[in-house]
N, C-alpha and C. Protein backbone atom coordinates (compact mmCIF):
# COMPACT_ATOMS: atom_id res chain seq x y z
N MET A 1 0.83 -1.19 0.00
CA MET A 1 0.00 0.00 0.00
C MET A 1 0.88 1.26 0.00
N GLU A 2 2.04 1.13 0.64
CA GLU A 2 2.92 2.29 0.67
C GLU A 2 3.27 2.75 -0.74
N ALA A 3 3.58 1.80 -1.63
CA ALA A 3 3.92 2.14 -3.01
C ALA A 3 2.72 2.75 -3.74
N ILE A 4 1.54 2.22 -3.48
CA ILE A 4 0.31 2.75 -4.10
C ILE A 4 0.12 4.21 -3.68
N LEU A 5 0.28 4.47 -2.38
CA LEU A 5 0.07 5.83 -1.87
C LEU A 5 1.14 6.81 -2.37
N LEU A 6 2.34 6.32 -2.61
CA LEU A 6 3.38 7.17 -3.18
C LEU A 6 3.06 7.52 -4.63
N GLU A 7 2.60 6.54 -5.37
CA GLU A 7 2.26 6.75 -6.79
C GLU A 7 1.00 7.59 -6.96
N TRP A 8 0.00 7.29 -6.14
CA TRP A 8 -1.29 7.98 -6.21
C TRP A 8 -1.65 8.49 -4.82
N PRO A 9 -1.21 9.69 -4.45
CA PRO A 9 -1.41 10.21 -3.09
C PRO A 9 -2.88 10.24 -2.63
N GLY A 10 -3.81 10.34 -3.54
CA GLY A 10 -5.23 10.37 -3.18
C GLY A 10 -5.87 9.00 -3.09
N ALA A 11 -5.06 7.95 -3.14
CA ALA A 11 -5.61 6.59 -3.13
C ALA A 11 -6.43 6.30 -1.89
N ARG A 12 -5.98 6.77 -0.74
CA ARG A 12 -6.73 6.52 0.51
C ARG A 12 -8.13 7.14 0.40
N ARG A 13 -8.20 8.35 -0.10
CA ARG A 13 -9.49 9.02 -0.26
C ARG A 13 -10.36 8.28 -1.28
N ALA A 14 -9.75 7.83 -2.39
CA ALA A 14 -10.49 7.10 -3.43
C ALA A 14 -11.02 5.78 -2.90
N LEU A 15 -10.20 5.06 -2.13
CA LEU A 15 -10.64 3.78 -1.57
C LEU A 15 -11.79 3.97 -0.59
N PHE A 16 -11.70 5.02 0.19
CA PHE A 16 -12.77 5.25 1.16
C PHE A 16 -14.06 5.67 0.45
N ARG A 17 -13.93 6.57 -0.52
CA ARG A 17 -15.11 7.09 -1.20
C ARG A 17 -15.94 5.99 -1.86
N LYS A 18 -15.29 5.07 -2.55
CA LYS A 18 -16.05 4.05 -3.28
C LYS A 18 -16.26 2.76 -2.50
N TYR A 19 -15.26 2.36 -1.71
CA TYR A 19 -15.31 1.03 -1.08
C TYR A 19 -15.37 1.06 0.44
N HIS A 20 -15.34 2.23 1.04
CA HIS A 20 -15.28 2.42 2.49
C HIS A 20 -14.11 1.64 3.09
N ILE A 21 -12.95 1.81 2.46
CA ILE A 21 -11.73 1.19 2.95
C ILE A 21 -10.78 2.29 3.40
N GLY A 22 -10.26 2.16 4.62
CA GLY A 22 -9.21 3.06 5.08
C GLY A 22 -9.64 4.30 5.82
N GLY A 23 -10.90 4.43 6.11
CA GLY A 23 -11.37 5.64 6.78
C GLY A 23 -11.33 5.57 8.30
N CYS A 24 -11.20 4.38 8.84
CA CYS A 24 -11.18 4.24 10.30
C CYS A 24 -10.33 3.02 10.66
N SER A 25 -10.14 2.80 11.95
CA SER A 25 -9.27 1.70 12.37
C SER A 25 -9.83 0.34 11.98
N SER A 26 -11.14 0.18 11.93
CA SER A 26 -11.71 -1.12 11.60
C SER A 26 -11.61 -1.45 10.11
N CYS A 27 -11.52 -0.43 9.26
CA CYS A 27 -11.42 -0.69 7.82
C CYS A 27 -10.09 -0.19 7.26
N GLY A 28 -9.17 0.17 8.14
CA GLY A 28 -7.88 0.71 7.72
C GLY A 28 -6.97 -0.36 7.14
N PHE A 29 -5.82 0.07 6.68
CA PHE A 29 -4.84 -0.86 6.15
C PHE A 29 -3.44 -0.40 6.55
N SER A 30 -2.54 -1.33 6.51
CA SER A 30 -1.15 -1.07 6.87
C SER A 30 -0.35 -0.74 5.62
N PRO A 31 0.65 0.14 5.74
CA PRO A 31 1.49 0.44 4.57
C PRO A 31 2.22 -0.79 4.03
N THR A 32 2.39 -1.81 4.87
CA THR A 32 3.11 -3.01 4.43
C THR A 32 2.20 -4.01 3.72
N GLU A 33 0.89 -3.82 3.80
CA GLU A 33 -0.03 -4.72 3.09
C GLU A 33 0.02 -4.45 1.60
N THR A 34 -0.30 -5.47 0.83
CA THR A 34 -0.43 -5.28 -0.62
C THR A 34 -1.87 -4.90 -0.93
N LEU A 35 -2.08 -4.33 -2.09
CA LEU A 35 -3.45 -4.01 -2.50
C LEU A 35 -4.26 -5.29 -2.62
N GLY A 36 -3.63 -6.37 -3.06
CA GLY A 36 -4.30 -7.66 -3.16
C GLY A 36 -4.82 -8.13 -1.81
N GLN A 37 -4.01 -7.96 -0.77
CA GLN A 37 -4.44 -8.35 0.58
C GLN A 37 -5.61 -7.49 1.05
N VAL A 38 -5.53 -6.20 0.80
CA VAL A 38 -6.61 -5.30 1.20
C VAL A 38 -7.90 -5.67 0.47
N CYS A 39 -7.79 -5.94 -0.84
CA CYS A 39 -8.98 -6.32 -1.62
C CYS A 39 -9.55 -7.65 -1.14
N ALA A 40 -8.68 -8.61 -0.82
CA ALA A 40 -9.12 -9.93 -0.39
C ALA A 40 -9.94 -9.85 0.88
N ARG A 41 -9.52 -9.03 1.83
CA ARG A 41 -10.26 -8.97 3.09
C ARG A 41 -11.42 -7.97 3.05
N ASN A 42 -11.66 -7.40 1.89
CA ASN A 42 -12.81 -6.51 1.70
C ASN A 42 -13.69 -7.05 0.59
N GLU A 43 -14.28 -8.20 0.89
CA GLU A 43 -15.24 -8.86 0.00
C GLU A 43 -14.62 -9.28 -1.33
N ASN A 44 -13.33 -9.60 -1.32
CA ASN A 44 -12.63 -10.05 -2.53
C ASN A 44 -12.84 -9.12 -3.71
N LEU A 45 -12.64 -7.86 -3.48
CA LEU A 45 -12.77 -6.87 -4.55
C LEU A 45 -11.80 -7.20 -5.68
N PRO A 46 -12.21 -7.01 -6.92
CA PRO A 46 -11.29 -7.26 -8.05
C PRO A 46 -10.17 -6.20 -8.05
N VAL A 47 -8.93 -6.65 -7.93
CA VAL A 47 -7.78 -5.76 -7.83
C VAL A 47 -7.71 -4.82 -9.03
N ALA A 48 -7.93 -5.35 -10.23
CA ALA A 48 -7.85 -4.51 -11.44
C ALA A 48 -8.88 -3.38 -11.40
N GLU A 49 -10.08 -3.68 -10.92
CA GLU A 49 -11.13 -2.66 -10.81
C GLU A 49 -10.72 -1.58 -9.80
N VAL A 50 -10.15 -2.00 -8.68
CA VAL A 50 -9.74 -1.06 -7.64
C VAL A 50 -8.61 -0.17 -8.15
N ILE A 51 -7.66 -0.77 -8.85
CA ILE A 51 -6.55 0.02 -9.42
C ILE A 51 -7.09 1.04 -10.41
N GLU A 52 -8.02 0.63 -11.24
CA GLU A 52 -8.61 1.55 -12.22
C GLU A 52 -9.34 2.70 -11.52
N HIS A 53 -10.04 2.39 -10.45
CA HIS A 53 -10.73 3.44 -9.70
C HIS A 53 -9.72 4.42 -9.08
N ILE A 54 -8.64 3.90 -8.52
CA ILE A 54 -7.61 4.77 -7.93
C ILE A 54 -6.99 5.64 -9.01
N ARG A 55 -6.68 5.06 -10.17
CA ARG A 55 -6.08 5.82 -11.27
C ARG A 55 -7.01 6.92 -11.77
N THR A 56 -8.26 6.59 -11.97
CA THR A 56 -9.25 7.57 -12.43
C THR A 56 -9.44 8.68 -11.40
N SER A 57 -9.49 8.31 -10.13
CA SER A 57 -9.62 9.30 -9.07
C SER A 57 -8.41 10.23 -9.06
N HIS A 58 -7.23 9.67 -9.29
CA HIS A 58 -6.01 10.48 -9.34
C HIS A 58 -6.09 11.51 -10.47
N GLU A 59 -6.58 11.08 -11.62
CA GLU A 59 -6.73 12.00 -12.75
C GLU A 59 -7.70 13.13 -12.39
N GLN A 60 -8.77 12.80 -11.69
CA GLN A 60 -9.73 13.83 -11.27
C GLN A 60 -9.10 14.77 -10.25
N ASP A 61 -8.29 14.23 -9.34
CA ASP A 61 -7.58 15.06 -8.37
C ASP A 61 -6.70 16.08 -9.08
N GLN A 62 -6.01 15.65 -10.11
CA GLN A 62 -5.09 16.54 -10.82
C GLN A 62 -5.80 17.74 -11.43
N LEU A 63 -7.06 17.56 -11.78
CA LEU A 63 -7.84 18.66 -12.35
C LEU A 63 -8.14 19.75 -11.32
N MET A 64 -8.03 19.42 -10.04
CA MET A 64 -8.31 20.40 -8.99
C MET A 64 -7.12 21.31 -8.71
N PHE A 65 -5.93 20.94 -9.16
CA PHE A 65 -4.76 21.76 -8.87
C PHE A 65 -4.73 23.00 -9.76
N LEU A 66 -4.45 24.12 -9.13
CA LEU A 66 -4.35 25.39 -9.83
C LEU A 66 -2.90 25.87 -9.71
N PRO A 67 -2.16 25.91 -10.82
CA PRO A 67 -0.77 26.37 -10.76
C PRO A 67 -0.68 27.82 -10.26
N PRO A 68 0.37 28.14 -9.52
CA PRO A 68 0.52 29.49 -8.98
C PRO A 68 0.39 30.60 -10.04
N LYS A 69 0.96 30.40 -11.21
CA LYS A 69 0.90 31.43 -12.25
C LYS A 69 -0.54 31.66 -12.71
N GLU A 70 -1.34 30.60 -12.75
CA GLU A 70 -2.76 30.75 -13.12
C GLU A 70 -3.52 31.48 -12.02
N TYR A 71 -3.16 31.18 -10.77
CA TYR A 71 -3.83 31.89 -9.68
C TYR A 71 -3.43 33.36 -9.67
N GLN A 72 -2.19 33.63 -10.00
CA GLN A 72 -1.74 35.02 -10.10
C GLN A 72 -2.59 35.78 -11.12
N LYS A 73 -2.91 35.14 -12.23
CA LYS A 73 -3.75 35.76 -13.27
C LYS A 73 -5.16 36.03 -12.73
N ILE A 74 -5.71 35.09 -11.97
CA ILE A 74 -7.03 35.27 -11.37
C ILE A 74 -7.02 36.50 -10.46
N ARG A 75 -5.98 36.63 -9.66
CA ARG A 75 -5.85 37.78 -8.76
C ARG A 75 -5.69 39.08 -9.55
N THR A 76 -4.83 39.06 -10.56
CA THR A 76 -4.56 40.25 -11.36
C THR A 76 -5.82 40.73 -12.08
N GLU A 77 -6.61 39.78 -12.59
CA GLU A 77 -7.83 40.12 -13.31
C GLU A 77 -9.00 40.45 -12.38
N GLY A 78 -8.79 40.28 -11.07
CA GLY A 78 -9.83 40.61 -10.11
C GLY A 78 -11.03 39.67 -10.15
N MET A 79 -10.80 38.43 -10.59
CA MET A 79 -11.89 37.44 -10.63
C MET A 79 -12.41 37.18 -9.22
N ASP A 80 -13.71 37.10 -9.08
CA ASP A 80 -14.33 36.83 -7.79
C ASP A 80 -14.00 35.39 -7.36
N HIS A 81 -13.47 35.27 -6.16
CA HIS A 81 -13.12 33.95 -5.63
C HIS A 81 -12.90 34.04 -4.13
N LEU A 82 -12.86 32.88 -3.51
CA LEU A 82 -12.47 32.77 -2.10
C LEU A 82 -11.13 32.06 -2.06
N LEU A 83 -10.24 32.52 -1.20
CA LEU A 83 -8.97 31.85 -0.96
C LEU A 83 -8.98 31.42 0.50
N ILE A 84 -9.04 30.12 0.72
CA ILE A 84 -9.16 29.59 2.06
C ILE A 84 -7.89 28.85 2.45
N ASP A 85 -7.31 29.29 3.54
CA ASP A 85 -6.05 28.75 4.06
C ASP A 85 -6.36 27.63 5.04
N VAL A 86 -5.90 26.42 4.73
CA VAL A 86 -6.19 25.26 5.58
C VAL A 86 -5.03 24.92 6.52
N ARG A 87 -4.03 25.79 6.58
CA ARG A 87 -2.89 25.57 7.48
C ARG A 87 -3.31 25.89 8.92
N SER A 88 -2.40 25.68 9.83
CA SER A 88 -2.68 26.00 11.24
C SER A 88 -2.75 27.52 11.41
N ARG A 89 -3.37 27.94 12.49
CA ARG A 89 -3.46 29.37 12.79
C ARG A 89 -2.06 29.99 12.88
N GLU A 90 -1.13 29.26 13.50
CA GLU A 90 0.24 29.77 13.64
C GLU A 90 0.90 29.98 12.28
N GLU A 91 0.73 29.02 11.38
CA GLU A 91 1.31 29.17 10.04
C GLU A 91 0.67 30.34 9.31
N HIS A 92 -0.66 30.44 9.41
CA HIS A 92 -1.39 31.51 8.74
C HIS A 92 -0.94 32.88 9.24
N GLU A 93 -0.75 33.00 10.55
CA GLU A 93 -0.33 34.29 11.12
C GLU A 93 1.12 34.59 10.78
N ALA A 94 1.95 33.57 10.64
CA ALA A 94 3.37 33.79 10.34
C ALA A 94 3.59 34.21 8.88
N VAL A 95 2.89 33.56 7.96
CA VAL A 95 3.03 33.84 6.53
C VAL A 95 1.65 33.78 5.91
N THR A 96 1.17 34.93 5.46
CA THR A 96 -0.20 35.00 4.93
C THR A 96 -0.19 35.47 3.49
N LEU A 97 -0.99 34.82 2.68
CA LEU A 97 -1.20 35.28 1.31
C LEU A 97 -2.38 36.25 1.36
N ASP A 98 -2.15 37.48 0.89
CA ASP A 98 -3.19 38.51 0.97
C ASP A 98 -4.53 37.99 0.46
N GLY A 99 -5.55 38.27 1.23
CA GLY A 99 -6.91 37.89 0.85
C GLY A 99 -7.33 36.51 1.32
N SER A 100 -6.41 35.76 1.93
CA SER A 100 -6.78 34.42 2.38
C SER A 100 -7.54 34.48 3.70
N ILE A 101 -8.42 33.50 3.87
CA ILE A 101 -9.23 33.37 5.07
C ILE A 101 -8.86 32.05 5.72
N LEU A 102 -8.57 32.08 7.01
CA LEU A 102 -8.23 30.85 7.72
C LEU A 102 -9.46 29.96 7.86
N LEU A 103 -9.31 28.69 7.52
CA LEU A 103 -10.42 27.74 7.65
C LEU A 103 -10.65 27.42 9.12
N THR A 104 -11.85 27.69 9.57
CA THR A 104 -12.27 27.37 10.93
C THR A 104 -13.58 26.61 10.86
N ARG A 105 -13.99 26.06 11.97
CA ARG A 105 -15.30 25.37 12.00
C ARG A 105 -16.43 26.34 11.67
N GLU A 106 -16.29 27.55 12.18
CA GLU A 106 -17.33 28.56 11.91
C GLU A 106 -17.40 28.88 10.42
N LEU A 107 -16.24 28.97 9.77
CA LEU A 107 -16.23 29.25 8.33
C LEU A 107 -16.84 28.09 7.56
N ILE A 108 -16.53 26.87 7.95
CA ILE A 108 -17.12 25.70 7.29
C ILE A 108 -18.64 25.77 7.39
N GLN A 109 -19.15 26.04 8.60
CA GLN A 109 -20.61 26.13 8.79
C GLN A 109 -21.20 27.25 7.93
N GLU A 110 -20.51 28.38 7.89
CA GLU A 110 -20.99 29.51 7.09
C GLU A 110 -21.02 29.16 5.60
N LEU A 111 -19.97 28.53 5.11
CA LEU A 111 -19.91 28.17 3.69
C LEU A 111 -20.98 27.15 3.33
N MET A 112 -21.20 26.19 4.22
CA MET A 112 -22.22 25.17 3.96
C MET A 112 -23.62 25.78 3.98
N ALA A 113 -23.84 26.73 4.85
CA ALA A 113 -25.17 27.34 4.98
C ALA A 113 -25.45 28.37 3.89
N ARG A 114 -24.40 28.98 3.40
CA ARG A 114 -24.54 30.08 2.43
C ARG A 114 -25.23 29.65 1.15
N GLY A 115 -24.98 28.43 0.70
CA GLY A 115 -25.60 27.95 -0.53
C GLY A 115 -24.94 28.47 -1.79
N GLU A 116 -23.82 29.15 -1.65
CA GLU A 116 -23.09 29.71 -2.79
C GLU A 116 -22.03 28.70 -3.24
N ARG A 117 -22.48 27.59 -3.79
CA ARG A 117 -21.58 26.47 -4.03
C ARG A 117 -20.90 26.48 -5.40
N SER A 118 -21.19 27.46 -6.24
CA SER A 118 -20.54 27.50 -7.56
C SER A 118 -19.42 28.54 -7.63
N LYS A 119 -19.24 29.31 -6.57
CA LYS A 119 -18.19 30.33 -6.55
C LYS A 119 -16.82 29.66 -6.54
N LEU A 120 -15.88 30.21 -7.31
CA LEU A 120 -14.53 29.68 -7.32
C LEU A 120 -13.96 29.75 -5.90
N THR A 121 -13.60 28.59 -5.38
CA THR A 121 -13.07 28.48 -4.02
C THR A 121 -11.73 27.75 -4.13
N ILE A 122 -10.68 28.45 -3.70
CA ILE A 122 -9.33 27.93 -3.82
C ILE A 122 -8.79 27.67 -2.42
N PHE A 123 -8.27 26.47 -2.22
CA PHE A 123 -7.73 26.09 -0.93
C PHE A 123 -6.20 26.12 -0.99
N LEU A 124 -5.63 26.55 0.12
CA LEU A 124 -4.20 26.78 0.20
C LEU A 124 -3.64 26.10 1.44
N ASP A 125 -2.53 25.41 1.29
CA ASP A 125 -1.83 24.85 2.44
C ASP A 125 -0.35 25.17 2.31
N HIS A 126 0.49 24.44 3.00
CA HIS A 126 1.93 24.74 2.95
C HIS A 126 2.57 24.27 1.65
N ALA A 127 2.37 22.99 1.30
CA ALA A 127 3.06 22.44 0.13
C ALA A 127 2.13 21.80 -0.89
N GLY A 128 0.82 21.95 -0.72
CA GLY A 128 -0.11 21.45 -1.72
C GLY A 128 -0.60 20.03 -1.51
N HIS A 129 -0.45 19.49 -0.31
CA HIS A 129 -0.89 18.11 -0.07
C HIS A 129 -2.24 18.05 0.66
N HIS A 130 -2.34 18.74 1.76
CA HIS A 130 -3.55 18.69 2.59
C HIS A 130 -4.73 19.42 1.94
N SER A 131 -4.47 20.44 1.17
CA SER A 131 -5.56 21.22 0.58
C SER A 131 -6.41 20.37 -0.36
N LEU A 132 -5.82 19.36 -0.99
CA LEU A 132 -6.59 18.50 -1.88
C LEU A 132 -7.65 17.72 -1.10
N ASP A 133 -7.31 17.27 0.10
CA ASP A 133 -8.30 16.59 0.94
C ASP A 133 -9.47 17.53 1.27
N VAL A 134 -9.14 18.76 1.62
CA VAL A 134 -10.18 19.73 1.98
C VAL A 134 -11.03 20.08 0.76
N ALA A 135 -10.38 20.32 -0.38
CA ALA A 135 -11.13 20.63 -1.61
C ALA A 135 -12.06 19.47 -1.97
N SER A 136 -11.57 18.25 -1.82
CA SER A 136 -12.40 17.07 -2.12
C SER A 136 -13.60 16.98 -1.18
N TYR A 137 -13.38 17.33 0.08
CA TYR A 137 -14.48 17.35 1.05
C TYR A 137 -15.57 18.31 0.59
N PHE A 138 -15.17 19.51 0.21
CA PHE A 138 -16.15 20.50 -0.23
C PHE A 138 -16.81 20.08 -1.55
N ALA A 139 -16.03 19.51 -2.46
CA ALA A 139 -16.61 19.00 -3.72
C ALA A 139 -17.65 17.92 -3.42
N GLY A 140 -17.35 17.08 -2.45
CA GLY A 140 -18.29 16.03 -2.05
C GLY A 140 -19.55 16.57 -1.41
N HIS A 141 -19.52 17.84 -0.98
CA HIS A 141 -20.69 18.49 -0.40
C HIS A 141 -21.32 19.49 -1.38
N GLY A 142 -21.10 19.26 -2.67
CA GLY A 142 -21.82 20.02 -3.68
C GLY A 142 -21.14 21.29 -4.18
N PHE A 143 -19.93 21.57 -3.73
CA PHE A 143 -19.21 22.74 -4.25
C PHE A 143 -18.66 22.36 -5.62
N THR A 144 -19.02 23.12 -6.64
CA THR A 144 -18.74 22.72 -8.01
C THR A 144 -17.53 23.39 -8.64
N ASN A 145 -16.90 24.33 -7.93
CA ASN A 145 -15.78 25.06 -8.52
C ASN A 145 -14.65 25.19 -7.49
N VAL A 146 -14.14 24.04 -7.04
CA VAL A 146 -13.07 24.05 -6.03
C VAL A 146 -11.74 23.73 -6.68
N LYS A 147 -10.72 24.40 -6.19
CA LYS A 147 -9.35 24.20 -6.66
C LYS A 147 -8.44 24.23 -5.44
N CYS A 148 -7.22 23.75 -5.62
CA CYS A 148 -6.20 23.91 -4.58
C CYS A 148 -4.96 24.48 -5.26
N LEU A 149 -4.33 25.37 -4.54
CA LEU A 149 -3.13 26.00 -5.06
C LEU A 149 -2.01 24.97 -5.12
N GLN A 150 -1.60 24.64 -6.33
CA GLN A 150 -0.57 23.63 -6.53
C GLN A 150 0.72 24.05 -5.83
N GLY A 151 1.24 23.15 -5.01
CA GLY A 151 2.48 23.43 -4.29
C GLY A 151 2.31 24.33 -3.09
N GLY A 152 1.07 24.76 -2.82
CA GLY A 152 0.77 25.56 -1.65
C GLY A 152 1.48 26.90 -1.63
N ILE A 153 1.52 27.48 -0.44
CA ILE A 153 2.13 28.80 -0.27
C ILE A 153 3.63 28.74 -0.55
N ASP A 154 4.22 27.56 -0.36
CA ASP A 154 5.65 27.41 -0.62
C ASP A 154 5.97 27.61 -2.11
N GLN A 155 5.19 26.97 -2.97
CA GLN A 155 5.41 27.11 -4.41
C GLN A 155 5.03 28.52 -4.87
N TRP A 156 4.02 29.12 -4.25
CA TRP A 156 3.63 30.49 -4.56
C TRP A 156 4.82 31.42 -4.29
N ALA A 157 5.45 31.25 -3.13
CA ALA A 157 6.59 32.09 -2.76
C ALA A 157 7.76 31.86 -3.73
N GLU A 158 7.93 30.65 -4.17
CA GLU A 158 9.03 30.32 -5.09
C GLU A 158 8.79 30.88 -6.49
N GLN A 159 7.57 30.77 -6.99
CA GLN A 159 7.29 31.10 -8.39
C GLN A 159 6.72 32.49 -8.62
N VAL A 160 6.04 33.06 -7.61
CA VAL A 160 5.32 34.31 -7.83
C VAL A 160 5.80 35.44 -6.94
N ASP A 161 5.87 35.20 -5.65
CA ASP A 161 6.17 36.26 -4.69
C ASP A 161 7.40 35.91 -3.85
N ASN A 162 8.57 36.23 -4.40
CA ASN A 162 9.83 35.89 -3.72
C ASN A 162 10.00 36.62 -2.40
N ALA A 163 9.25 37.70 -2.18
CA ALA A 163 9.36 38.44 -0.92
C ALA A 163 8.63 37.74 0.22
N LEU A 164 7.74 36.82 -0.11
CA LEU A 164 6.99 36.10 0.92
C LEU A 164 7.93 35.14 1.65
N PRO A 165 7.99 35.21 2.97
CA PRO A 165 8.89 34.32 3.71
C PRO A 165 8.54 32.84 3.48
N ARG A 166 9.56 32.02 3.40
CA ARG A 166 9.36 30.57 3.27
C ARG A 166 9.77 29.91 4.57
N TYR A 167 9.21 28.75 4.84
CA TYR A 167 9.50 28.06 6.09
C TYR A 167 9.40 26.55 5.86
N GLN A 168 9.98 25.81 6.76
CA GLN A 168 9.92 24.35 6.74
C GLN A 168 9.10 23.88 7.93
N LEU A 169 8.32 22.85 7.74
CA LEU A 169 7.57 22.25 8.83
C LEU A 169 8.43 21.18 9.48
N GLU A 170 8.39 21.13 10.80
CA GLU A 170 9.12 20.09 11.51
C GLU A 170 8.33 18.79 11.40
N ALA A 171 9.05 17.68 11.29
CA ALA A 171 8.39 16.37 11.23
C ALA A 171 7.70 16.12 12.55
N GLN A 172 6.50 15.56 12.47
CA GLN A 172 5.72 15.30 13.68
C GLN A 172 5.71 13.86 14.02
């Protein structure tokens, strides 16, 4: 499974979405298990079908990424959008992309209640990994125009705004 997750980072989300595999301790899997083993203990799912689902889901995930230069154009043209920062409060306060809103429970409730689900909503994290999970969550709740900033604020600082401070996260 470790190799699958390296090749297709959204595989865990894809497995859970379609097969309810990997979302909790009772249906989870170990990185040392093979996909065949996981499929065997989950109603003998056909491995080829599961691989195809993971691959297709990965292709859909890629469509959600918004390269920094494209986002720069959206900002320059003044296109209406929301920029939601999914990093920790400390990260957001230390390095902020102008116009971003920190994701909080209150904001989630407000966005869900608002009913404005077609507005371009861009999610931002540190390196572009966690924001895809959040964007997928919102897409799964009927938001039709969600994106994540490819490479996160780190890639933005590298490619667009060199004056923005860069930082490294400590391993947890």
